[in-house]
Full PDB file with SEQRES, HELIX, SHEET, SSBOND, CRYST1, ORIGX, SCALE, CONECT and MASTER records, all heavy atoms in Angstrom:
SEQRES   1 A   35  PHE THR ILE SER ARG ASP ASN PHE LYS ASN THR VAL TYR          
SEQRES   2 A   35  LEU GLN MET ASN SER LEU LYS PHE GLU ASP THR ALA VAL          
SEQRES   3 A   35  TYR TYR CYS ALA ALA PHE THR GLY PRO                          
HELIX    1 AA1 PHE A   21  ASP A   23  5                                   3    
SHEET    1 AA1 2 THR A   2  ASP A   6  0                                        
SHEET    2 AA1 2 THR A  11  GLN A  15 -1                                        
CRYST1    1.000    1.000    1.000  90.00  90.00  90.00 P 1           1          
ORIGX1      1.000000  0.000000  0.000000        0.00000                         
ORIGX2      0.000000  1.000000  0.000000        0.00000                         
ORIGX3      0.000000  0.000000  1.000000        0.00000                         
SCALE1      1.000000  0.000000  0.000000        0.00000                         
SCALE2      0.000000  1.000000  0.000000        0.00000                         
SCALE3      0.000000  0.000000  1.000000        0.00000                         
ATOM      1  N   PHE A   1      20.918  11.887  -4.445  1.00  0.00           N  
ATOM      2  CA  PHE A   1      21.405  11.157  -3.277  1.00  0.00           C  
ATOM      3  C   PHE A   1      22.186  12.097  -2.368  1.00  0.00           C  
ATOM      4  O   PHE A   1      22.853  13.032  -2.836  1.00  0.00           O  
ATOM      5  CB  PHE A   1      22.324  10.010  -3.690  1.00  0.00           C  
ATOM      6  CG  PHE A   1      21.648   8.863  -4.396  1.00  0.00           C  
ATOM      7  CD1 PHE A   1      20.334   8.934  -4.824  1.00  0.00           C  
ATOM      8  CD2 PHE A   1      22.357   7.693  -4.631  1.00  0.00           C  
ATOM      9  CE1 PHE A   1      19.727   7.873  -5.475  1.00  0.00           C  
ATOM     10  CE2 PHE A   1      21.763   6.627  -5.280  1.00  0.00           C  
ATOM     11  CZ  PHE A   1      20.452   6.711  -5.707  1.00  0.00           C  
ATOM     12  N   THR A   2      22.143  11.825  -1.075  1.00  0.00           N  
ATOM     13  CA  THR A   2      22.904  12.583  -0.095  1.00  0.00           C  
ATOM     14  C   THR A   2      23.551  11.634   0.901  1.00  0.00           C  
ATOM     15  O   THR A   2      22.866  10.815   1.513  1.00  0.00           O  
ATOM     16  CB  THR A   2      22.020  13.581   0.665  1.00  0.00           C  
ATOM     17  OG1 THR A   2      21.382  14.476  -0.258  1.00  0.00           O  
ATOM     18  CG2 THR A   2      22.866  14.406   1.635  1.00  0.00           C  
ATOM     19  N   ILE A   3      24.861  11.751   1.056  1.00  0.00           N  
ATOM     20  CA  ILE A   3      25.576  10.955   2.046  1.00  0.00           C  
ATOM     21  C   ILE A   3      25.801  11.809   3.291  1.00  0.00           C  
ATOM     22  O   ILE A   3      26.042  13.015   3.199  1.00  0.00           O  
ATOM     23  CB  ILE A   3      26.911  10.430   1.478  1.00  0.00           C  
ATOM     24  CG1 ILE A   3      27.526   9.373   2.401  1.00  0.00           C  
ATOM     25  CG2 ILE A   3      27.892  11.562   1.214  1.00  0.00           C  
ATOM     26  CD1 ILE A   3      28.707   8.639   1.780  1.00  0.00           C  
ATOM     27  N   SER A   4      25.706  11.189   4.445  1.00  0.00           N  
ATOM     28  CA  SER A   4      25.944  11.889   5.701  1.00  0.00           C  
ATOM     29  C   SER A   4      26.439  10.889   6.732  1.00  0.00           C  
ATOM     30  O   SER A   4      26.357   9.675   6.529  1.00  0.00           O  
ATOM     31  CB  SER A   4      24.671  12.594   6.192  1.00  0.00           C  
ATOM     32  OG  SER A   4      23.640  11.656   6.460  1.00  0.00           O  
ATOM     33  N   ARG A   5      26.941  11.403   7.836  1.00  0.00           N  
ATOM     34  CA  ARG A   5      27.378  10.504   8.898  1.00  0.00           C  
ATOM     35  C   ARG A   5      27.144  11.127  10.259  1.00  0.00           C  
ATOM     36  O   ARG A   5      27.183  12.353  10.426  1.00  0.00           O  
ATOM     37  CB  ARG A   5      28.852  10.108   8.721  1.00  0.00           C  
ATOM     38  CG  ARG A   5      29.876  11.212   8.941  1.00  0.00           C  
ATOM     39  CD  ARG A   5      31.272  10.759   8.480  1.00  0.00           C  
ATOM     40  NE  ARG A   5      31.718   9.562   9.184  1.00  0.00           N  
ATOM     41  CZ  ARG A   5      32.721   8.788   8.792  1.00  0.00           C  
ATOM     42  NH1 ARG A   5      33.392   9.069   7.672  1.00  0.00           N  
ATOM     43  NH2 ARG A   5      33.063   7.717   9.499  1.00  0.00           N  
ATOM     44  N   ASP A   6      26.905  10.265  11.216  1.00  0.00           N  
ATOM     45  CA  ASP A   6      26.765  10.644  12.612  1.00  0.00           C  
ATOM     46  C   ASP A   6      27.789   9.818  13.371  1.00  0.00           C  
ATOM     47  O   ASP A   6      27.548   8.654  13.686  1.00  0.00           O  
ATOM     48  CB  ASP A   6      25.345  10.379  13.108  1.00  0.00           C  
ATOM     49  CG  ASP A   6      25.113  10.889  14.512  1.00  0.00           C  
ATOM     50  OD1 ASP A   6      26.080  11.009  15.294  1.00  0.00           O  
ATOM     51  OD2 ASP A   6      23.944  11.173  14.849  1.00  0.00           O  
ATOM     52  N   ASN A   7      28.935  10.417  13.634  1.00  0.00           N  
ATOM     53  CA  ASN A   7      30.017   9.664  14.260  1.00  0.00           C  
ATOM     54  C   ASN A   7      29.713   9.282  15.706  1.00  0.00           C  
ATOM     55  O   ASN A   7      30.263   8.309  16.222  1.00  0.00           O  
ATOM     56  CB  ASN A   7      31.321  10.462  14.178  1.00  0.00           C  
ATOM     57  CG  ASN A   7      31.925  10.442  12.779  1.00  0.00           C  
ATOM     58  OD1 ASN A   7      31.595   9.589  11.959  1.00  0.00           O  
ATOM     59  ND2 ASN A   7      32.813  11.390  12.513  1.00  0.00           N  
ATOM     60  N   PHE A   8      28.836  10.041  16.359  1.00  0.00           N  
ATOM     61  CA  PHE A   8      28.429   9.667  17.703  1.00  0.00           C  
ATOM     62  C   PHE A   8      27.646   8.357  17.681  1.00  0.00           C  
ATOM     63  O   PHE A   8      27.791   7.520  18.581  1.00  0.00           O  
ATOM     64  CB  PHE A   8      27.595  10.776  18.345  1.00  0.00           C  
ATOM     65  CG  PHE A   8      27.176  10.484  19.752  1.00  0.00           C  
ATOM     66  CD1 PHE A   8      28.071  10.614  20.800  1.00  0.00           C  
ATOM     67  CD2 PHE A   8      25.884  10.068  20.037  1.00  0.00           C  
ATOM     68  CE1 PHE A   8      27.697  10.344  22.108  1.00  0.00           C  
ATOM     69  CE2 PHE A   8      25.493   9.794  21.332  1.00  0.00           C  
ATOM     70  CZ  PHE A   8      26.399   9.930  22.369  1.00  0.00           C  
ATOM     71  N   LYS A   9      26.810   8.174  16.652  1.00  0.00           N  
ATOM     72  CA  LYS A   9      26.049   6.940  16.490  1.00  0.00           C  
ATOM     73  C   LYS A   9      26.821   5.878  15.726  1.00  0.00           C  
ATOM     74  O   LYS A   9      26.330   4.757  15.568  1.00  0.00           O  
ATOM     75  CB  LYS A   9      24.727   7.223  15.770  1.00  0.00           C  
ATOM     76  CG  LYS A   9      23.770   8.102  16.554  1.00  0.00           C  
ATOM     77  CD  LYS A   9      22.468   8.297  15.785  1.00  0.00           C  
ATOM     78  CE  LYS A   9      21.483   9.132  16.566  1.00  0.00           C  
ATOM     79  NZ  LYS A   9      20.221   9.344  15.831  1.00  0.00           N  
ATOM     80  N   ASN A  10      27.995   6.242  15.226  1.00  0.00           N  
ATOM     81  CA  ASN A  10      28.842   5.320  14.474  1.00  0.00           C  
ATOM     82  C   ASN A  10      28.108   4.779  13.240  1.00  0.00           C  
ATOM     83  O   ASN A  10      28.181   3.591  12.919  1.00  0.00           O  
ATOM     84  CB  ASN A  10      29.313   4.154  15.354  1.00  0.00           C  
ATOM     85  CG  ASN A  10      30.622   3.560  14.875  1.00  0.00           C  
ATOM     86  OD1 ASN A  10      31.527   4.268  14.448  1.00  0.00           O  
ATOM     87  ND2 ASN A  10      30.734   2.230  14.953  1.00  0.00           N  
ATOM     88  N   THR A  11      27.423   5.688  12.546  1.00  0.00           N  
ATOM     89  CA  THR A  11      26.586   5.310  11.417  1.00  0.00           C  
ATOM     90  C   THR A  11      26.775   6.273  10.250  1.00  0.00           C  
ATOM     91  O   THR A  11      26.912   7.485  10.454  1.00  0.00           O  
ATOM     92  CB  THR A  11      25.104   5.290  11.823  1.00  0.00           C  
ATOM     93  OG1 THR A  11      24.923   4.393  12.930  1.00  0.00           O  
ATOM     94  CG2 THR A  11      24.230   4.816  10.675  1.00  0.00           C  
ATOM     95  N   VAL A  12      26.787   5.727   9.055  1.00  0.00           N  
ATOM     96  CA  VAL A  12      26.819   6.499   7.821  1.00  0.00           C  
ATOM     97  C   VAL A  12      25.540   6.212   7.052  1.00  0.00           C  
ATOM     98  O   VAL A  12      25.091   5.065   6.988  1.00  0.00           O  
ATOM     99  CB  VAL A  12      28.048   6.148   6.971  1.00  0.00           C  
ATOM    100  CG1 VAL A  12      28.041   6.924   5.662  1.00  0.00           C  
ATOM    101  CG2 VAL A  12      29.324   6.448   7.745  1.00  0.00           C  
ATOM    102  N   TYR A  13      24.957   7.244   6.459  1.00  0.00           N  
ATOM    103  CA  TYR A  13      23.686   7.119   5.765  1.00  0.00           C  
ATOM    104  C   TYR A  13      23.826   7.464   4.289  1.00  0.00           C  
ATOM    105  O   TYR A  13      24.699   8.233   3.884  1.00  0.00           O  
ATOM    106  CB  TYR A  13      22.641   8.059   6.371  1.00  0.00           C  
ATOM    107  CG  TYR A  13      22.429   7.883   7.850  1.00  0.00           C  
ATOM    108  CD1 TYR A  13      23.079   8.705   8.760  1.00  0.00           C  
ATOM    109  CD2 TYR A  13      21.578   6.896   8.334  1.00  0.00           C  
ATOM    110  CE1 TYR A  13      22.887   8.554  10.120  1.00  0.00           C  
ATOM    111  CE2 TYR A  13      21.381   6.732   9.694  1.00  0.00           C  
ATOM    112  CZ  TYR A  13      22.034   7.562  10.581  1.00  0.00           C  
ATOM    113  OH  TYR A  13      21.832   7.405  11.934  1.00  0.00           O  
ATOM    114  N   LEU A  14      22.931   6.909   3.494  1.00  0.00           N  
ATOM    115  CA  LEU A  14      22.768   7.319   2.113  1.00  0.00           C  
ATOM    116  C   LEU A  14      21.279   7.546   1.871  1.00  0.00           C  
ATOM    117  O   LEU A  14      20.502   6.588   1.819  1.00  0.00           O  
ATOM    118  CB  LEU A  14      23.306   6.274   1.135  1.00  0.00           C  
ATOM    119  CG  LEU A  14      23.264   6.679  -0.339  1.00  0.00           C  
ATOM    120  CD1 LEU A  14      24.237   7.828  -0.607  1.00  0.00           C  
ATOM    121  CD2 LEU A  14      23.585   5.493  -1.244  1.00  0.00           C  
ATOM    122  N   GLN A  15      20.891   8.807   1.771  1.00  0.00           N  
ATOM    123  CA  GLN A  15      19.513   9.158   1.461  1.00  0.00           C  
ATOM    124  C   GLN A  15      19.344   9.159  -0.047  1.00  0.00           C  
ATOM    125  O   GLN A  15      20.046   9.880  -0.753  1.00  0.00           O  
ATOM    126  CB  GLN A  15      19.166  10.532   2.027  1.00  0.00           C  
ATOM    127  CG  GLN A  15      17.742  10.992   1.744  1.00  0.00           C  
ATOM    128  CD  GLN A  15      16.704  10.145   2.431  1.00  0.00           C  
ATOM    129  OE1 GLN A  15      16.833   9.855   3.619  1.00  0.00           O  
ATOM    130  NE2 GLN A  15      15.672   9.729   1.709  1.00  0.00           N  
ATOM    131  N   MET A  16      18.407   8.368  -0.532  1.00  0.00           N  
ATOM    132  CA  MET A  16      18.202   8.172  -1.960  1.00  0.00           C  
ATOM    133  C   MET A  16      16.807   8.673  -2.325  1.00  0.00           C  
ATOM    134  O   MET A  16      15.809   8.100  -1.893  1.00  0.00           O  
ATOM    135  CB  MET A  16      18.344   6.697  -2.326  1.00  0.00           C  
ATOM    136  CG  MET A  16      19.626   6.063  -1.791  1.00  0.00           C  
ATOM    137  SD  MET A  16      19.603   4.249  -1.834  1.00  0.00           S  
ATOM    138  CE  MET A  16      19.593   3.965  -3.598  1.00  0.00           C  
ATOM    139  N   ASN A  17      16.755   9.737  -3.108  1.00  0.00           N  
ATOM    140  CA  ASN A  17      15.492  10.324  -3.539  1.00  0.00           C  
ATOM    141  C   ASN A  17      15.343  10.228  -5.050  1.00  0.00           C  
ATOM    142  O   ASN A  17      16.314  10.013  -5.772  1.00  0.00           O  
ATOM    143  CB  ASN A  17      15.408  11.793  -3.115  1.00  0.00           C  
ATOM    144  CG  ASN A  17      15.450  11.985  -1.624  1.00  0.00           C  
ATOM    145  OD1 ASN A  17      14.944  11.166  -0.858  1.00  0.00           O  
ATOM    146  ND2 ASN A  17      16.040  13.096  -1.179  1.00  0.00           N  
ATOM    147  N   SER A  18      14.117  10.412  -5.512  1.00  0.00           N  
ATOM    148  CA  SER A  18      13.815  10.380  -6.947  1.00  0.00           C  
ATOM    149  C   SER A  18      14.416   9.158  -7.617  1.00  0.00           C  
ATOM    150  O   SER A  18      15.077   9.237  -8.656  1.00  0.00           O  
ATOM    151  CB  SER A  18      14.320  11.665  -7.621  1.00  0.00           C  
ATOM    152  OG  SER A  18      13.732  12.809  -7.046  1.00  0.00           O  
ATOM    153  N   LEU A  19      14.170   8.012  -7.031  1.00  0.00           N  
ATOM    154  CA  LEU A  19      14.791   6.777  -7.507  1.00  0.00           C  
ATOM    155  C   LEU A  19      14.310   6.396  -8.901  1.00  0.00           C  
ATOM    156  O   LEU A  19      13.143   6.584  -9.250  1.00  0.00           O  
ATOM    157  CB  LEU A  19      14.522   5.649  -6.519  1.00  0.00           C  
ATOM    158  CG  LEU A  19      15.367   5.721  -5.244  1.00  0.00           C  
ATOM    159  CD1 LEU A  19      14.775   4.865  -4.145  1.00  0.00           C  
ATOM    160  CD2 LEU A  19      16.804   5.287  -5.540  1.00  0.00           C  
ATOM    161  N   LYS A  20      15.226   5.848  -9.683  1.00  0.00           N  
ATOM    162  CA  LYS A  20      14.973   5.430 -11.047  1.00  0.00           C  
ATOM    163  C   LYS A  20      15.192   3.930 -11.185  1.00  0.00           C  
ATOM    164  O   LYS A  20      15.846   3.310 -10.349  1.00  0.00           O  
ATOM    165  CB  LYS A  20      15.916   6.162 -12.013  1.00  0.00           C  
ATOM    166  CG  LYS A  20      15.883   7.676 -11.916  1.00  0.00           C  
ATOM    167  CD  LYS A  20      16.957   8.290 -12.805  1.00  0.00           C  
ATOM    168  CE  LYS A  20      16.951   9.799 -12.724  1.00  0.00           C  
ATOM    169  NZ  LYS A  20      18.009  10.399 -13.571  1.00  0.00           N  
ATOM    170  N   PHE A  21      14.661   3.347 -12.263  1.00  0.00           N  
ATOM    171  CA  PHE A  21      14.865   1.928 -12.518  1.00  0.00           C  
ATOM    172  C   PHE A  21      16.348   1.574 -12.516  1.00  0.00           C  
ATOM    173  O   PHE A  21      16.735   0.513 -12.006  1.00  0.00           O  
ATOM    174  CB  PHE A  21      14.246   1.524 -13.858  1.00  0.00           C  
ATOM    175  CG  PHE A  21      12.751   1.590 -13.896  1.00  0.00           C  
ATOM    176  CD1 PHE A  21      12.115   2.457 -14.762  1.00  0.00           C  
ATOM    177  CD2 PHE A  21      11.977   0.779 -13.083  1.00  0.00           C  
ATOM    178  CE1 PHE A  21      10.729   2.520 -14.814  1.00  0.00           C  
ATOM    179  CE2 PHE A  21      10.595   0.833 -13.119  1.00  0.00           C  
ATOM    180  CZ  PHE A  21       9.968   1.709 -13.993  1.00  0.00           C  
ATOM    181  N   GLU A  22      17.178   2.439 -13.088  1.00  0.00           N  
ATOM    182  CA  GLU A  22      18.598   2.162 -13.204  1.00  0.00           C  
ATOM    183  C   GLU A  22      19.354   2.233 -11.879  1.00  0.00           C  
ATOM    184  O   GLU A  22      20.548   1.916 -11.828  1.00  0.00           O  
ATOM    185  CB  GLU A  22      19.253   3.100 -14.233  1.00  0.00           C  
ATOM    186  CG  GLU A  22      18.922   4.565 -14.025  1.00  0.00           C  
ATOM    187  CD  GLU A  22      17.765   5.041 -14.889  1.00  0.00           C  
ATOM    188  OE1 GLU A  22      16.754   4.322 -14.983  1.00  0.00           O  
ATOM    189  OE2 GLU A  22      17.878   6.135 -15.485  1.00  0.00           O  
ATOM    190  N   ASP A  23      18.691   2.651 -10.812  1.00  0.00           N  
ATOM    191  CA  ASP A  23      19.303   2.620  -9.490  1.00  0.00           C  
ATOM    192  C   ASP A  23      19.238   1.232  -8.858  1.00  0.00           C  
ATOM    193  O   ASP A  23      19.826   1.015  -7.792  1.00  0.00           O  
ATOM    194  CB  ASP A  23      18.631   3.627  -8.555  1.00  0.00           C  
ATOM    195  CG  ASP A  23      18.857   5.067  -8.981  1.00  0.00           C  
ATOM    196  OD1 ASP A  23      19.988   5.406  -9.384  1.00  0.00           O  
ATOM    197  OD2 ASP A  23      17.893   5.861  -8.903  1.00  0.00           O  
ATOM    198  N   THR A  24      18.517   0.321  -9.477  1.00  0.00           N  
ATOM    199  CA  THR A  24      18.412  -1.038  -8.960  1.00  0.00           C  
ATOM    200  C   THR A  24      19.785  -1.694  -8.922  1.00  0.00           C  
ATOM    201  O   THR A  24      20.475  -1.768  -9.936  1.00  0.00           O  
ATOM    202  CB  THR A  24      17.458  -1.873  -9.821  1.00  0.00           C  
ATOM    203  OG1 THR A  24      16.140  -1.328  -9.732  1.00  0.00           O  
ATOM    204  CG2 THR A  24      17.431  -3.321  -9.346  1.00  0.00           C  
ATOM    205  N   ALA A  25      20.189  -2.156  -7.747  1.00  0.00           N  
ATOM    206  CA  ALA A  25      21.514  -2.750  -7.565  1.00  0.00           C  
ATOM    207  C   ALA A  25      21.642  -3.243  -6.132  1.00  0.00           C  
ATOM    208  O   ALA A  25      20.807  -2.943  -5.282  1.00  0.00           O  
ATOM    209  CB  ALA A  25      22.615  -1.726  -7.860  1.00  0.00           C  
ATOM    210  N   VAL A  26      22.707  -3.983  -5.888  1.00  0.00           N  
ATOM    211  CA  VAL A  26      23.125  -4.258  -4.523  1.00  0.00           C  
ATOM    212  C   VAL A  26      24.042  -3.123  -4.093  1.00  0.00           C  
ATOM    213  O   VAL A  26      25.001  -2.797  -4.792  1.00  0.00           O  
ATOM    214  CB  VAL A  26      23.847  -5.608  -4.398  1.00  0.00           C  
ATOM    215  CG1 VAL A  26      24.322  -5.832  -2.968  1.00  0.00           C  
ATOM    216  CG2 VAL A  26      22.916  -6.741  -4.825  1.00  0.00           C  
ATOM    217  N   TYR A  27      23.752  -2.534  -2.961  1.00  0.00           N  
ATOM    218  CA  TYR A  27      24.523  -1.412  -2.452  1.00  0.00           C  
ATOM    219  C   TYR A  27      25.427  -1.877  -1.321  1.00  0.00           C  
ATOM    220  O   TYR A  27      24.978  -2.553  -0.393  1.00  0.00           O  
ATOM    221  CB  TYR A  27      23.593  -0.297  -1.967  1.00  0.00           C  
ATOM    222  CG  TYR A  27      22.985   0.492  -3.101  1.00  0.00           C  
ATOM    223  CD1 TYR A  27      22.018  -0.072  -3.924  1.00  0.00           C  
ATOM    224  CD2 TYR A  27      23.401   1.800  -3.366  1.00  0.00           C  
ATOM    225  CE1 TYR A  27      21.477   0.640  -4.983  1.00  0.00           C  
ATOM    226  CE2 TYR A  27      22.856   2.520  -4.419  1.00  0.00           C  
ATOM    227  CZ  TYR A  27      21.897   1.939  -5.224  1.00  0.00           C  
ATOM    228  OH  TYR A  27      21.354   2.647  -6.273  1.00  0.00           O  
ATOM    229  N   TYR A  28      26.696  -1.483  -1.410  1.00  0.00           N  
ATOM    230  CA  TYR A  28      27.712  -1.893  -0.453  1.00  0.00           C  
ATOM    231  C   TYR A  28      28.297  -0.686   0.268  1.00  0.00           C  
ATOM    232  O   TYR A  28      28.540   0.355  -0.341  1.00  0.00           O  
ATOM    233  CB  TYR A  28      28.858  -2.625  -1.150  1.00  0.00           C  
ATOM    234  CG  TYR A  28      28.464  -3.886  -1.869  1.00  0.00           C  
ATOM    235  CD1 TYR A  28      28.069  -3.856  -3.199  1.00  0.00           C  
ATOM    236  CD2 TYR A  28      28.496  -5.112  -1.214  1.00  0.00           C  
ATOM    237  CE1 TYR A  28      27.708  -5.015  -3.862  1.00  0.00           C  
ATOM    238  CE2 TYR A  28      28.143  -6.277  -1.864  1.00  0.00           C  
ATOM    239  CZ  TYR A  28      27.747  -6.227  -3.201  1.00  0.00           C  
ATOM    240  OH  TYR A  28      27.398  -7.377  -3.853  1.00  0.00           O  
ATOM    241  N   CYS A  29      28.557  -0.851   1.531  1.00  0.00           N  
ATOM    242  CA  CYS A  29      29.276   0.129   2.327  1.00  0.00           C  
ATOM    243  C   CYS A  29      30.726  -0.309   2.443  1.00  0.00           C  
ATOM    244  O   CYS A  29      31.014  -1.492   2.629  1.00  0.00           O  
ATOM    245  CB  CYS A  29      28.631   0.231   3.710  1.00  0.00           C  
ATOM    246  SG  CYS A  29      29.479   1.309   4.871  1.00  0.00           S  
ATOM    247  N   ALA A  30      31.657   0.637   2.329  1.00  0.00           N  
ATOM    248  CA  ALA A  30      33.075   0.324   2.411  1.00  0.00           C  
ATOM    249  C   ALA A  30      33.796   1.334   3.286  1.00  0.00           C  
ATOM    250  O   ALA A  30      33.594   2.541   3.150  1.00  0.00           O  
ATOM    251  CB  ALA A  30      33.702   0.317   1.016  1.00  0.00           C  
ATOM    252  N   ALA A  31      34.629   0.831   4.172  1.00  0.00           N  
ATOM    253  CA  ALA A  31      35.485   1.669   5.003  1.00  0.00           C  
ATOM    254  C   ALA A  31      36.865   1.764   4.378  1.00  0.00           C  
ATOM    255  O   ALA A  31      37.399   0.765   3.884  1.00  0.00           O  
ATOM    256  CB  ALA A  31      35.578   1.101   6.413  1.00  0.00           C  
ATOM    257  N   PHE A  32      37.451   2.940   4.415  1.00  0.00           N  
ATOM    258  CA  PHE A  32      38.745   3.178   3.811  1.00  0.00           C  
ATOM    259  C   PHE A  32      39.882   2.982   4.807  1.00  0.00           C  
ATOM    260  O   PHE A  32      39.665   2.789   6.003  1.00  0.00           O  
ATOM    261  CB  PHE A  32      38.787   4.589   3.224  1.00  0.00           C  
ATOM    262  CG  PHE A  32      38.055   4.739   1.922  1.00  0.00           C  
ATOM    263  CD1 PHE A  32      36.714   4.399   1.817  1.00  0.00           C  
ATOM    264  CD2 PHE A  32      38.702   5.214   0.792  1.00  0.00           C  
ATOM    265  CE1 PHE A  32      36.031   4.523   0.620  1.00  0.00           C  
ATOM    266  CE2 PHE A  32      38.032   5.351  -0.415  1.00  0.00           C  
ATOM    267  CZ  PHE A  32      36.692   5.004  -0.493  1.00  0.00           C  
ATOM    268  N   THR A  33      41.119   3.054   4.300  1.00  0.00           N  
ATOM    269  CA  THR A  33      42.293   2.872   5.134  1.00  0.00           C  
ATOM    270  C   THR A  33      42.667   4.116   5.920  1.00  0.00           C  
ATOM    271  O   THR A  33      43.477   4.044   6.846  1.00  0.00           O  
ATOM    272  CB  THR A  33      43.507   2.452   4.290  1.00  0.00           C  
ATOM    273  OG1 THR A  33      43.746   3.432   3.273  1.00  0.00           O  
ATOM    274  CG2 THR A  33      43.261   1.102   3.624  1.00  0.00           C  
ATOM    275  N   GLY A  34      42.103   5.249   5.544  1.00  0.00           N  
ATOM    276  CA  GLY A  34      42.404   6.498   6.199  1.00  0.00           C  
ATOM    277  C   GLY A  34      41.229   7.440   6.171  1.00  0.00           C  
ATOM    278  O   GLY A  34      40.118   7.059   5.779  1.00  0.00           O  
ATOM    279  N   PRO A  35      41.440   8.686   6.552  1.00  0.00           N  
ATOM    280  CA  PRO A  35      40.334   9.634   6.703  1.00  0.00           C  
ATOM    281  C   PRO A  35      39.817  10.260   5.417  1.00  0.00           C  
ATOM    282  O   PRO A  35      38.734  10.853   5.437  1.00  0.00           O  
ATOM    283  CB  PRO A  35      40.934  10.719   7.613  1.00  0.00           C  
ATOM    284  CG  PRO A  35      42.390  10.690   7.300  1.00  0.00           C  
ATOM    285  CD  PRO A  35      42.711   9.241   7.037  1.00  0.00           C  
TER     286      PRO A  35                                                      
MASTER        0    0    0    1    2    0    0    6  285    1    0    3          
END                                                                             
């Protein structure tokens, strides 16, 4: 997996490769209180 962000687009990405059965889940995005 690779996380990245484009602050100009105000978007954060999670690239998920070589997926396995155990990766099955609900995925949540969370913003923190600071940087």
